[in-house]
Amino acid sequence: MLRWPGRGMNFELTEFTGVPRTPAQPQVFDPGAPFLSVQVRDLAPVVAALEKSKAAIITTGGKPVRINTPEGGRDAIMFRDPDGYIVEAIVQPPQPDTPDGNVLGANIGMVVADLDESLKFWNGQLGFGLAADPNVMNDPATLALAGLPAGSSFRVAAGLVPGSTVQFALYDLSGTPAGKPFSLRVPDPGASGMAIRVADIEKLLPKLKAAGVRVISKDGALVPWSDTVRNVFVKDPNGLNIEIVGNIAAPAAK
């Protein structure tokens, strides 16, 4: 497990053994395809490492491209890790309070089948505050970064993960090849997920069930971690695995 600098978020790699595993890799345009956007001081050592490891490059032409951001032009490249997980590395000029080292932080994103339906889940049921941009975007450099065909476009909704400085963004693509829903079981290599802590897990789970959210933990029930901590795995509308963690009242003293 790695704690991203200054982000309020951990990144975890987990290997399961003793259970059937079916590896899979999403296409960039598949609903449910997640990605990690890593902010770096210098892209050169990242590109050198990718070339040395012969990593699969997604960006059109296999080289970094310059994209427009609200903070100005930024060089970026998109590629896959050994299990097929999609990663973006993007240059972020360091600020006075940024940590040492090349990695400055990370944000997360996901392609969705229907932005409005996804917001009903993330905002309406989980309480995120993602704001949808009304514009349809088709910047050629951004499309090239993600290896998408010319003429594609996308809508985006974004905001901070509550309690952190991590941006979470949902992308609804148009004009791309027809994507297939990407939804893996937790043990499958290439599966992705998000763990979030909630204020009242005992009240939230029945609300999610009533809204038709798929619960994948055994018997659809909360799993005890300790006397006061429970967790449960659910699926978002696009197939992302979400681990919900929360406290319950302490047992009465005997």
Foldseek 3Di string as FASTA:
>chain_A
DADFFQWQDDDDDDADPPDDADADAFQLQAAFQKEKEWEWADCVVVLVVCVVVVFAWQFPPRAWFWDQDPVGTKTKTWTADPSRRIYMYIYDHDDPPFDDDTTGGMAMEGEHADVVLLCCCVCVQVNDDWAKDPDKDQPPRVCNRRNFDHPKIWTKTWDGDPPTNHIYMYIYIPPGPDHHQDADDPNYRNAAAEEDEDEDPVVSQVVCVVVVWAWDPPPSDWDDPDQFKTWTWTARPRRHIYIYMYTDDHDDDD
